[in-house]
Amino acid sequence: MKETARLTDKKVELDEYSKDALNERLNMIQDAIDEQPEVSITYFLLDKKKSGGAYVTATDRVKKIDEYENIVLLQDGTKIPIDDIAEIVGEVFGALE
């Protein structure tokens, strides 16, 4: 059986400004964690069969930010590695959007 060709992307490295902005948003989520804010997180998902991967967006309530495992855990059980996050949007950011 031959695998059909799938396009994969390379992960984009964020600059310091973008990393700082994401960290600020993660801190805001952490401050509001009791309300379990709903956010949309765009992140790089590695392809299991080929090098590269794709950017996907998950929208759900944040259950926990685990600094030990360096992940954001969503209500539905999705674990998103913080280092793979490209963008986070949501009402919790109010004035930043």
PDB file of N, CA and C in Angstrom:
ATOM      1  N   MET A   1       0.853  -1.192   0.000  1.00  0.00           N
ATOM      2  CA  MET A   1       0.000   0.000   0.000  1.00  0.00           C
ATOM      3  C   MET A   1       0.886   1.239   0.000  1.00  0.00           C
ATOM      4  N   LYS A   2       0.585   2.143  -0.879  1.00  0.00           N
ATOM      5  CA  LYS A   2       1.387   3.356  -1.004  1.00  0.00           C
ATOM      6  C   LYS A   2       0.708   4.507  -0.276  1.00  0.00           C
ATOM      7  N   GLU A   3       1.483   5.259   0.485  1.00  0.00           N
ATOM      8  CA  GLU A   3       0.913   6.404   1.209  1.00  0.00           C
ATOM      9  C   GLU A   3       0.668   7.544   0.232  1.00  0.00           C
ATOM     10  N   THR A   4      -0.498   8.147   0.340  1.00  0.00           N
ATOM     11  CA  THR A   4      -0.770   9.305  -0.512  1.00  0.00           C
ATOM     12  C   THR A   4       0.057  10.487  -0.008  1.00  0.00           C
ATOM     13  N   ALA A   5       0.434  11.321  -0.922  1.00  0.00           N
ATOM     14  CA  ALA A   5       1.273  12.467  -0.562  1.00  0.00           C
ATOM     15  C   ALA A   5       0.485  13.439   0.304  1.00  0.00           C
ATOM     16  N   ARG A   6       1.040  13.764   1.445  1.00  0.00           N
ATOM     17  CA  ARG A   6       0.432  14.757   2.328  1.00  0.00           C
ATOM     18  C   ARG A   6       1.421  15.896   2.478  1.00  0.00           C
ATOM     19  N   LEU A   7       0.906  17.077   2.431  1.00  0.00           N
ATOM     20  CA  LEU A   7       1.772  18.225   2.636  1.00  0.00           C
ATOM     21  C   LEU A   7       2.020  18.408   4.124  1.00  0.00           C
ATOM     22  N   THR A   8       3.266  18.605   4.476  1.00  0.00           N
ATOM     23  CA  THR A   8       3.577  18.914   5.867  1.00  0.00           C
ATOM     24  C   THR A   8       4.291  20.253   5.901  1.00  0.00           C
ATOM     25  N   ASP A   9       4.098  20.973   6.994  1.00  0.00           N
ATOM     26  CA  ASP A   9       4.734  22.263   7.187  1.00  0.00           C
ATOM     27  C   ASP A   9       5.913  22.093   8.126  1.00  0.00           C
ATOM     28  N   LYS A  10       6.786  23.069   8.094  1.00  0.00           N
ATOM     29  CA  LYS A  10       7.862  23.143   9.081  1.00  0.00           C
ATOM     30  C   LYS A  10       7.385  24.048  10.215  1.00  0.00           C
ATOM     31  N   LYS A  11       7.838  23.755  11.407  1.00  0.00           N
ATOM     32  CA  LYS A  11       7.478  24.579  12.555  1.00  0.00           C
ATOM     33  C   LYS A  11       8.205  25.918  12.451  1.00  0.00           C
ATOM     34  N   VAL A  12       7.456  26.986  12.682  1.00  0.00           N
ATOM     35  CA  VAL A  12       8.022  28.329  12.630  1.00  0.00           C
ATOM     36  C   VAL A  12       8.541  28.693  14.022  1.00  0.00           C
ATOM     37  N   GLU A  13       9.785  29.126  14.090  1.00  0.00           N
ATOM     38  CA  GLU A  13      10.347  29.564  15.375  1.00  0.00           C
ATOM     39  C   GLU A  13       9.884  30.989  15.660  1.00  0.00           C
ATOM     40  N   LEU A  14       9.345  31.205  16.837  1.00  0.00           N
ATOM     41  CA  LEU A  14       8.865  32.539  17.202  1.00  0.00           C
ATOM     42  C   LEU A  14      10.023  33.424  17.645  1.00  0.00           C
ATOM     43  N   ASP A  15       9.910  34.714  17.361  1.00  0.00           N
ATOM     44  CA  ASP A  15      10.918  35.653  17.839  1.00  0.00           C
ATOM     45  C   ASP A  15      10.637  35.981  19.310  1.00  0.00           C
ATOM     46  N   GLU A  16      11.559  36.686  19.951  1.00  0.00           N
ATOM     47  CA  GLU A  16      11.434  36.982  21.385  1.00  0.00           C
ATOM     48  C   GLU A  16      10.165  37.771  21.697  1.00  0.00           C
ATOM     49  N   TYR A  17       9.819  38.709  20.829  1.00  0.00           N
ATOM     50  CA  TYR A  17       8.613  39.516  21.045  1.00  0.00           C
ATOM     51  C   TYR A  17       7.377  38.616  21.082  1.00  0.00           C
ATOM     52  N   SER A  18       7.281  37.698  20.116  1.00  0.00           N
ATOM     53  CA  SER A  18       6.129  36.792  20.045  1.00  0.00           C
ATOM     54  C   SER A  18       6.093  35.849  21.244  1.00  0.00           C
ATOM     55  N   LYS A  19       7.268  35.373  21.666  1.00  0.00           N
ATOM     56  CA  LYS A  19       7.331  34.495  22.853  1.00  0.00           C
ATOM     57  C   LYS A  19       6.871  35.242  24.102  1.00  0.00           C
ATOM     58  N   ASP A  20       7.303  36.489  24.239  1.00  0.00           N
ATOM     59  CA  ASP A  20       6.883  37.303  25.390  1.00  0.00           C
ATOM     60  C   ASP A  20       5.371  37.515  25.384  1.00  0.00           C
ATOM     61  N   ALA A  21       4.811  37.783  24.209  1.00  0.00           N
ATOM     62  CA  ALA A  21       3.370  38.003  24.098  1.00  0.00           C
ATOM     63  C   ALA A  21       2.604  36.735  24.478  1.00  0.00           C
ATOM     64  N   LEU A  22       3.089  35.570  24.030  1.00  0.00           N
ATOM     65  CA  LEU A  22       2.439  34.304  24.395  1.00  0.00           C
ATOM     66  C   LEU A  22       2.543  34.055  25.898  1.00  0.00           C
ATOM     67  N   ASN A  23       3.712  34.332  26.474  1.00  0.00           N
ATOM     68  CA  ASN A  23       3.882  34.144  27.918  1.00  0.00           C
ATOM     69  C   ASN A  23       2.931  35.040  28.705  1.00  0.00           C
ATOM     70  N   GLU A  24       2.736  36.262  28.220  1.00  0.00           N
ATOM     71  CA  GLU A  24       1.807  37.179  28.886  1.00  0.00           C
ATOM     72  C   GLU A  24       0.387  36.606  28.839  1.00  0.00           C
ATOM     73  N   ARG A  25       0.009  36.056  27.698  1.00  0.00           N
ATOM     74  CA  ARG A  25      -1.322  35.457  27.567  1.00  0.00           C
ATOM     75  C   ARG A  25      -1.462  34.222  28.456  1.00  0.00           C
ATOM     76  N   LEU A  26      -0.418  33.392  28.531  1.00  0.00           N
ATOM     77  CA  LEU A  26      -0.469  32.221  29.414  1.00  0.00           C
ATOM     78  C   LEU A  26      -0.619  32.651  30.875  1.00  0.00           C
ATOM     79  N   ASN A  27       0.061  33.721  31.250  1.00  0.00           N
ATOM     80  CA  ASN A  27      -0.058  34.244  32.619  1.00  0.00           C
ATOM     81  C   ASN A  27      -1.481  34.743  32.888  1.00  0.00           C
ATOM     82  N   MET A  28      -2.103  35.385  31.891  1.00  0.00           N
ATOM     83  CA  MET A  28      -3.476  35.866  32.055  1.00  0.00           C
ATOM     84  C   MET A  28      -4.443  34.693  32.210  1.00  0.00           C
ATOM     85  N   ILE A  29      -4.206  33.626  31.446  1.00  0.00           N
ATOM     86  CA  ILE A  29      -5.042  32.428  31.581  1.00  0.00           C
ATOM     87  C   ILE A  29      -4.859  31.839  32.979  1.00  0.00           C
ATOM     88  N   GLN A  30      -3.604  31.769  33.426  1.00  0.00           N
ATOM     89  CA  GLN A  30      -3.320  31.220  34.754  1.00  0.00           C
ATOM     90  C   GLN A  30      -4.034  32.030  35.837  1.00  0.00           C
ATOM     91  N   ASP A  31      -4.030  33.361  35.693  1.00  0.00           N
ATOM     92  CA  ASP A  31      -4.697  34.229  36.673  1.00  0.00           C
ATOM     93  C   ASP A  31      -6.208  34.000  36.694  1.00  0.00           C
ATOM     94  N   ALA A  32      -6.775  33.574  35.565  1.00  0.00           N
ATOM     95  CA  ALA A  32      -8.224  33.382  35.461  1.00  0.00           C
ATOM     96  C   ALA A  32      -8.597  31.892  35.432  1.00  0.00           C
ATOM     97  N   ILE A  33      -7.680  31.016  35.851  1.00  0.00           N
ATOM     98  CA  ILE A  33      -7.864  29.566  35.700  1.00  0.00           C
ATOM     99  C   ILE A  33      -9.110  29.058  36.426  1.00  0.00           C
ATOM    100  N   ASP A  34      -9.499  29.712  37.526  1.00  0.00           N
ATOM    101  CA  ASP A  34     -10.698  29.274  38.258  1.00  0.00           C
ATOM    102  C   ASP A  34     -11.957  29.389  37.410  1.00  0.00           C
ATOM    103  N   GLU A  35     -11.963  30.354  36.476  1.00  0.00           N
ATOM    104  CA  GLU A  35     -13.121  30.510  35.585  1.00  0.00           C
ATOM    105  C   GLU A  35     -13.017  29.593  34.372  1.00  0.00           C
ATOM    106  N   GLN A  36     -11.903  28.880  34.246  1.00  0.00           N
ATOM    107  CA  GLN A  36     -11.641  28.011  33.098  1.00  0.00           C
ATOM    108  C   GLN A  36     -12.002  28.721  31.791  1.00  0.00           C
ATOM    109  N   PRO A  37     -11.212  29.752  31.451  1.00  0.00           N
ATOM    110  CA  PRO A  37     -11.523  30.556  30.263  1.00  0.00           C
ATOM    111  C   PRO A  37     -11.466  29.741  28.968  1.00  0.00           C
ATOM    112  N   GLU A  38     -12.381  30.087  28.053  1.00  0.00           N
ATOM    113  CA  GLU A  38     -12.356  29.441  26.739  1.00  0.00           C
ATOM    114  C   GLU A  38     -11.415  30.217  25.831  1.00  0.00           C
ATOM    115  N   VAL A  39     -10.515  29.484  25.183  1.00  0.00           N
ATOM    116  CA  VAL A  39      -9.551  30.100  24.270  1.00  0.00           C
ATOM    117  C   VAL A  39      -9.428  29.243  23.014  1.00  0.00           C
ATOM    118  N   SER A  40      -8.884  29.853  21.980  1.00  0.00           N
ATOM    119  CA  SER A  40      -8.502  29.124  20.768  1.00  0.00           C
ATOM    120  C   SER A  40      -6.993  29.162  20.697  1.00  0.00           C
ATOM    121  N   ILE A  41      -6.383  27.984  20.664  1.00  0.00           N
ATOM    122  CA  ILE A  41      -4.925  27.880  20.640  1.00  0.00           C
ATOM    123  C   ILE A  41      -4.509  27.260  19.312  1.00  0.00           C
ATOM    124  N   THR A  42      -3.684  27.987  18.577  1.00  0.00           N
ATOM    125  CA  THR A  42      -3.119  27.464  17.331  1.00  0.00           C
ATOM    126  C   THR A  42      -1.725  26.946  17.666  1.00  0.00           C
ATOM    127  N   TYR A  43      -1.492  25.683  17.307  1.00  0.00           N
ATOM    128  CA  TYR A  43      -0.208  25.075  17.664  1.00  0.00           C
ATOM    129  C   TYR A  43       0.249  24.108  16.578  1.00  0.00           C
ATOM    130  N   PHE A  44       1.529  23.772  16.648  1.00  0.00           N
ATOM    131  CA  PHE A  44       2.144  22.880  15.663  1.00  0.00           C
ATOM    132  C   PHE A  44       1.978  21.446  16.136  1.00  0.00           C
ATOM    133  N   LEU A  45       1.377  20.622  15.306  1.00  0.00           N
ATOM    134  CA  LEU A  45       1.158  19.214  15.619  1.00  0.00           C
ATOM    135  C   LEU A  45       2.059  18.390  14.706  1.00  0.00           C
ATOM    136  N   LEU A  46       2.995  17.665  15.315  1.00  0.00           N
ATOM    137  CA  LEU A  46       3.911  16.842  14.536  1.00  0.00           C
ATOM    138  C   LEU A  46       3.161  15.754  13.788  1.00  0.00           C
ATOM    139  N   ASP A  47       3.590  15.499  12.561  1.00  0.00           N
ATOM    140  CA  ASP A  47       3.045  14.395  11.785  1.00  0.00           C
ATOM    141  C   ASP A  47       3.661  13.111  12.334  1.00  0.00           C
ATOM    142  N   LYS A  48       2.847  12.101  12.562  1.00  0.00           N
ATOM    143  CA  LYS A  48       3.349  10.861  13.157  1.00  0.00           C
ATOM    144  C   LYS A  48       4.130   9.999  12.166  1.00  0.00           C
ATOM    145  N   LYS A  49       3.960  10.242  10.871  1.00  0.00           N
ATOM    146  CA  LYS A  49       4.596   9.385   9.879  1.00  0.00           C
ATOM    147  C   LYS A  49       5.699  10.055   9.070  1.00  0.00           C
ATOM    148  N   LYS A  50       5.682  11.375   9.005  1.00  0.00           N
ATOM    149  CA  LYS A  50       6.670  12.082   8.183  1.00  0.00           C
ATOM    150  C   LYS A  50       7.291  13.203   8.996  1.00  0.00           C
ATOM    151  N   SER A  51       8.381  13.743   8.483  1.00  0.00           N
ATOM    152  CA  SER A  51       8.950  14.909   9.164  1.00  0.00           C
ATOM    153  C   SER A  51       8.050  16.101   8.890  1.00  0.00           C
ATOM    154  N   GLY A  52       8.040  17.031   9.828  1.00  0.00           N
ATOM    155  CA  GLY A  52       7.166  18.188   9.699  1.00  0.00           C
ATOM    156  C   GLY A  52       5.857  17.939  10.418  1.00  0.00           C
ATOM    157  N   GLY A  53       4.838  18.676  10.029  1.00  0.00           N
ATOM    158  CA  GLY A  53       3.539  18.563  10.676  1.00  0.00           C
ATOM    159  C   GLY A  53       2.612  19.619  10.124  1.00  0.00           C
ATOM    160  N   ALA A  54       1.651  20.027  10.945  1.00  0.00           N
ATOM    161  CA  ALA A  54       0.673  21.021  10.501  1.00  0.00           C
ATOM    162  C   ALA A  54       0.256  21.875  11.683  1.00  0.00           C
ATOM    163  N   TYR A  55      -0.176  23.087  11.372  1.00  0.00           N
ATOM    164  CA  TYR A  55      -0.727  23.954  12.411  1.00  0.00           C
ATOM    165  C   TYR A  55      -2.223  23.666  12.529  1.00  0.00           C
ATOM    166  N   VAL A  56      -2.659  23.408  13.757  1.00  0.00           N
ATOM    167  CA  VAL A  56      -4.061  23.141  14.029  1.00  0.00           C
ATOM    168  C   VAL A  56      -4.526  24.092  15.132  1.00  0.00           C
ATOM    169  N   THR A  57      -5.835  24.301  15.198  1.00  0.00           N
ATOM    170  CA  THR A  57      -6.398  25.176  16.227  1.00  0.00           C
ATOM    171  C   THR A  57      -7.392  24.385  17.064  1.00  0.00           C
ATOM    172  N   ALA A  58      -7.215  24.453  18.366  1.00  0.00           N
ATOM    173  CA  ALA A  58      -8.138  23.816  19.305  1.00  0.00           C
ATOM    174  C   ALA A  58      -8.842  24.913  20.093  1.00  0.00           C
ATOM    175  N   THR A  59     -10.168  24.807  20.210  1.00  0.00           N
ATOM    176  CA  THR A  59     -10.940  25.761  20.991  1.00  0.00           C
ATOM    177  C   THR A  59     -11.644  25.009  22.108  1.00  0.00           C
ATOM    178  N   ASP A  60     -11.351  25.393  23.335  1.00  0.00           N
ATOM    179  CA  ASP A  60     -11.952  24.737  24.491  1.00  0.00           C
ATOM    180  C   ASP A  60     -11.622  25.559  25.731  1.00  0.00           C
ATOM    181  N   ARG A  61     -12.126  25.100  26.859  1.00  0.00           N
ATOM    182  CA  ARG A  61     -11.805  25.745  28.133  1.00  0.00           C
ATOM    183  C   ARG A  61     -10.490  25.192  28.656  1.00  0.00           C
ATOM    184  N   VAL A  62      -9.672  26.069  29.222  1.00  0.00           N
ATOM    185  CA  VAL A  62      -8.389  25.641  29.784  1.00  0.00           C
ATOM    186  C   VAL A  62      -8.635  25.073  31.177  1.00  0.00           C
ATOM    187  N   LYS A  63      -8.239  23.830  31.352  1.00  0.00           N
ATOM    188  CA  LYS A  63      -8.394  23.162  32.645  1.00  0.00           C
ATOM    189  C   LYS A  63      -7.204  23.470  33.541  1.00  0.00           C
ATOM    190  N   LYS A  64      -5.993  23.488  32.923  1.00  0.00           N
ATOM    191  CA  LYS A  64      -4.788  23.626  33.728  1.00  0.00           C
ATOM    192  C   LYS A  64      -3.608  24.000  32.836  1.00  0.00           C
ATOM    193  N   ILE A  65      -2.694  24.792  33.386  1.00  0.00           N
ATOM    194  CA  ILE A  65      -1.405  25.014  32.738  1.00  0.00           C
ATOM    195  C   ILE A  65      -0.392  24.295  33.607  1.00  0.00           C
ATOM    196  N   ASP A  66       0.208  23.249  33.056  1.00  0.00           N
ATOM    197  CA  ASP A  66       1.141  22.416  33.808  1.00  0.00           C
ATOM    198  C   ASP A  66       2.572  22.842  33.472  1.00  0.00           C
ATOM    199  N   GLU A  67       3.167  23.610  34.374  1.00  0.00           N
ATOM    200  CA  GLU A  67       4.522  24.111  34.121  1.00  0.00           C
ATOM    201  C   GLU A  67       5.560  23.005  34.231  1.00  0.00           C
ATOM    202  N   TYR A  68       5.262  21.968  34.999  1.00  0.00           N
ATOM    203  CA  TYR A  68       6.199  20.846  35.148  1.00  0.00           C
ATOM    204  C   TYR A  68       6.317  20.085  33.823  1.00  0.00           C
ATOM    205  N   GLU A  69       5.154  19.778  33.217  1.00  0.00           N
ATOM    206  CA  GLU A  69       5.159  19.067  31.929  1.00  0.00           C
ATOM    207  C   GLU A  69       5.247  20.037  30.747  1.00  0.00           C
ATOM    208  N   ASN A  70       5.130  21.347  31.024  1.00  0.00           N
ATOM    209  CA  ASN A  70       5.194  22.390  30.007  1.00  0.00           C
ATOM    210  C   ASN A  70       4.083  22.235  28.962  1.00  0.00           C
ATOM    211  N   ILE A  71       2.846  22.009  29.480  1.00  0.00           N
ATOM    212  CA  ILE A  71       1.702  21.837  28.588  1.00  0.00           C
ATOM    213  C   ILE A  71       0.524  22.682  29.066  1.00  0.00           C
ATOM    214  N   VAL A  72      -0.392  22.941  28.116  1.00  0.00           N
ATOM    215  CA  VAL A  72      -1.699  23.500  28.441  1.00  0.00           C
ATOM    216  C   VAL A  72      -2.675  22.329  28.288  1.00  0.00           C
ATOM    217  N   LEU A  73      -3.432  22.060  29.348  1.00  0.00           N
ATOM    218  CA  LEU A  73      -4.414  20.976  29.329  1.00  0.00           C
ATOM    219  C   LEU A  73      -5.803  21.567  29.151  1.00  0.00           C
ATOM    220  N   LEU A  74      -6.488  21.126  28.088  1.00  0.00           N
ATOM    221  CA  LEU A  74      -7.834  21.611  27.826  1.00  0.00           C
ATOM    222  C   LEU A  74      -8.860  20.694  28.491  1.00  0.00           C
ATOM    223  N   GLN A  75     -10.078  21.204  28.616  1.00  0.00           N
ATOM    224  CA  GLN A  75     -11.167  20.475  29.272  1.00  0.00           C
ATOM    225  C   GLN A  75     -11.399  19.104  28.633  1.00  0.00           C
ATOM    226  N   ASP A  76     -11.243  19.013  27.298  1.00  0.00           N
ATOM    227  CA  ASP A  76     -11.508  17.747  26.599  1.00  0.00           C
ATOM    228  C   ASP A  76     -10.343  16.757  26.676  1.00  0.00           C
ATOM    229  N   GLY A  77      -9.282  17.136  27.420  1.00  0.00           N
ATOM    230  CA  GLY A  77      -8.146  16.237  27.581  1.00  0.00           C
ATOM    231  C   GLY A  77      -6.999  16.498  26.622  1.00  0.00           C
ATOM    232  N   THR A  78      -7.175  17.424  25.674  1.00  0.00           N
ATOM    233  CA  THR A  78      -6.103  17.764  24.738  1.00  0.00           C
ATOM    234  C   THR A  78      -4.932  18.364  25.501  1.00  0.00           C
ATOM    235  N   LYS A  79      -3.731  17.843  25.239  1.00  0.00           N
ATOM    236  CA  LYS A  79      -2.505  18.375  25.853  1.00  0.00           C
ATOM    237  C   LYS A  79      -1.710  19.084  24.768  1.00  0.00           C
ATOM    238  N   ILE A  80      -1.461  20.369  24.975  1.00  0.00           N
ATOM    239  CA  ILE A  80      -0.748  21.161  23.975  1.00  0.00           C
ATOM    240  C   ILE A  80       0.587  21.590  24.556  1.00  0.00           C
ATOM    241  N   PRO A  81       1.698  21.132  23.960  1.00  0.00           N
ATOM    242  CA  PRO A  81       3.015  21.569  24.431  1.00  0.00           C
ATOM    243  C   PRO A  81       3.164  23.084  24.261  1.00  0.00           C
ATOM    244  N   ILE A  82       3.533  23.758  25.336  1.00  0.00           N
ATOM    245  CA  ILE A  82       3.654  25.220  25.303  1.00  0.00           C
ATOM    246  C   ILE A  82       4.643  25.663  24.226  1.00  0.00           C
ATOM    247  N   ASP A  83       5.712  24.911  24.031  1.00  0.00           N
ATOM    248  CA  ASP A  83       6.721  25.284  23.028  1.00  0.00           C
ATOM    249  C   ASP A  83       6.202  25.206  21.596  1.00  0.00           C
ATOM    250  N   ASP A  84       5.067  24.527  21.389  1.00  0.00           N
ATOM    251  CA  ASP A  84       4.515  24.382  20.042  1.00  0.00           C
ATOM    252  C   ASP A  84       3.399  25.383  19.735  1.00  0.00           C
ATOM    253  N   ILE A  85       3.052  26.226  20.723  1.00  0.00           N
ATOM    254  CA  ILE A  85       1.962  27.189  20.539  1.00  0.00           C
ATOM    255  C   ILE A  85       2.431  28.368  19.683  1.00  0.00           C
ATOM    256  N   ALA A  86       1.609  28.718  18.691  1.00  0.00           N
ATOM    257  CA  ALA A  86       1.910  29.864  17.823  1.00  0.00           C
ATOM    258  C   ALA A  86       1.050  31.065  18.192  1.00  0.00           C
ATOM    259  N   GLU A  87      -0.196  30.814  18.646  1.00  0.00           N
ATOM    260  CA  GLU A  87      -1.119  31.917  18.917  1.00  0.00           C
ATOM    261  C   GLU A  87      -2.195  31.463  19.900  1.00  0.00           C
ATOM    262  N   ILE A  88      -2.615  32.389  20.754  1.00  0.00           N
ATOM    263  CA  ILE A  88      -3.733  32.134  21.669  1.00  0.00           C
ATOM    264  C   ILE A  88      -4.668  33.338  21.599  1.00  0.00           C
ATOM    265  N   VAL A  89      -5.949  33.080  21.354  1.00  0.00           N
ATOM    266  CA  VAL A  89      -6.936  34.153  21.352  1.00  0.00           C
ATOM    267  C   VAL A  89      -8.121  33.742  22.224  1.00  0.00           C
ATOM    268  N   GLY A  90      -8.815  34.745  22.744  1.00  0.00           N
ATOM    269  CA  GLY A  90      -9.988  34.472  23.564  1.00  0.00           C
ATOM    270  C   GLY A  90     -10.459  35.718  24.281  1.00  0.00           C
ATOM    271  N   GLU A  91     -11.682  35.655  24.791  1.00  0.00           N
ATOM    272  CA  GLU A  91     -12.273  36.812  25.481  1.00  0.00           C
ATOM    273  C   GLU A  91     -11.495  37.187  26.729  1.00  0.00           C
ATOM    274  N   VAL A  92     -10.812  36.227  27.339  1.00  0.00           N
ATOM    275  CA  VAL A  92     -10.084  36.484  28.581  1.00  0.00           C
ATOM    276  C   VAL A  92      -9.031  37.590  28.385  1.00  0.00           C
ATOM    277  N   PHE A  93      -8.618  37.804  27.133  1.00  0.00           N
ATOM    278  CA  PHE A  93      -7.581  38.804  26.870  1.00  0.00           C
ATOM    279  C   PHE A  93      -8.135  40.202  26.657  1.00  0.00           C
ATOM    280  N   GLY A  94      -9.441  40.324  26.561  1.00  0.00           N
ATOM    281  CA  GLY A  94     -10.126  41.611  26.467  1.00  0.00           C
ATOM    282  C   GLY A  94      -9.400  42.682  25.694  1.00  0.00           C
ATOM    283  N   ALA A  95      -8.718  43.565  26.425  1.00  0.00           N
ATOM    284  CA  ALA A  95      -8.085  44.749  25.835  1.00  0.00           C
ATOM    285  C   ALA A  95      -6.932  44.408  24.893  1.00  0.00           C
ATOM    286  N   LEU A  96      -6.327  43.232  25.016  1.00  0.00           N
ATOM    287  CA  LEU A  96      -5.191  42.871  24.166  1.00  0.00           C
ATOM    288  C   LEU A  96      -5.614  42.557  22.733  1.00  0.00           C
ATOM    289  N   GLU A  97      -6.868  42.135  22.571  1.00  0.00           N
ATOM    290  CA  GLU A  97      -7.299  41.681  21.239  1.00  0.00           C
ATOM    291  C   GLU A  97      -7.515  42.850  20.302  1.00  0.00           C
TER     292      GLU A  97
END
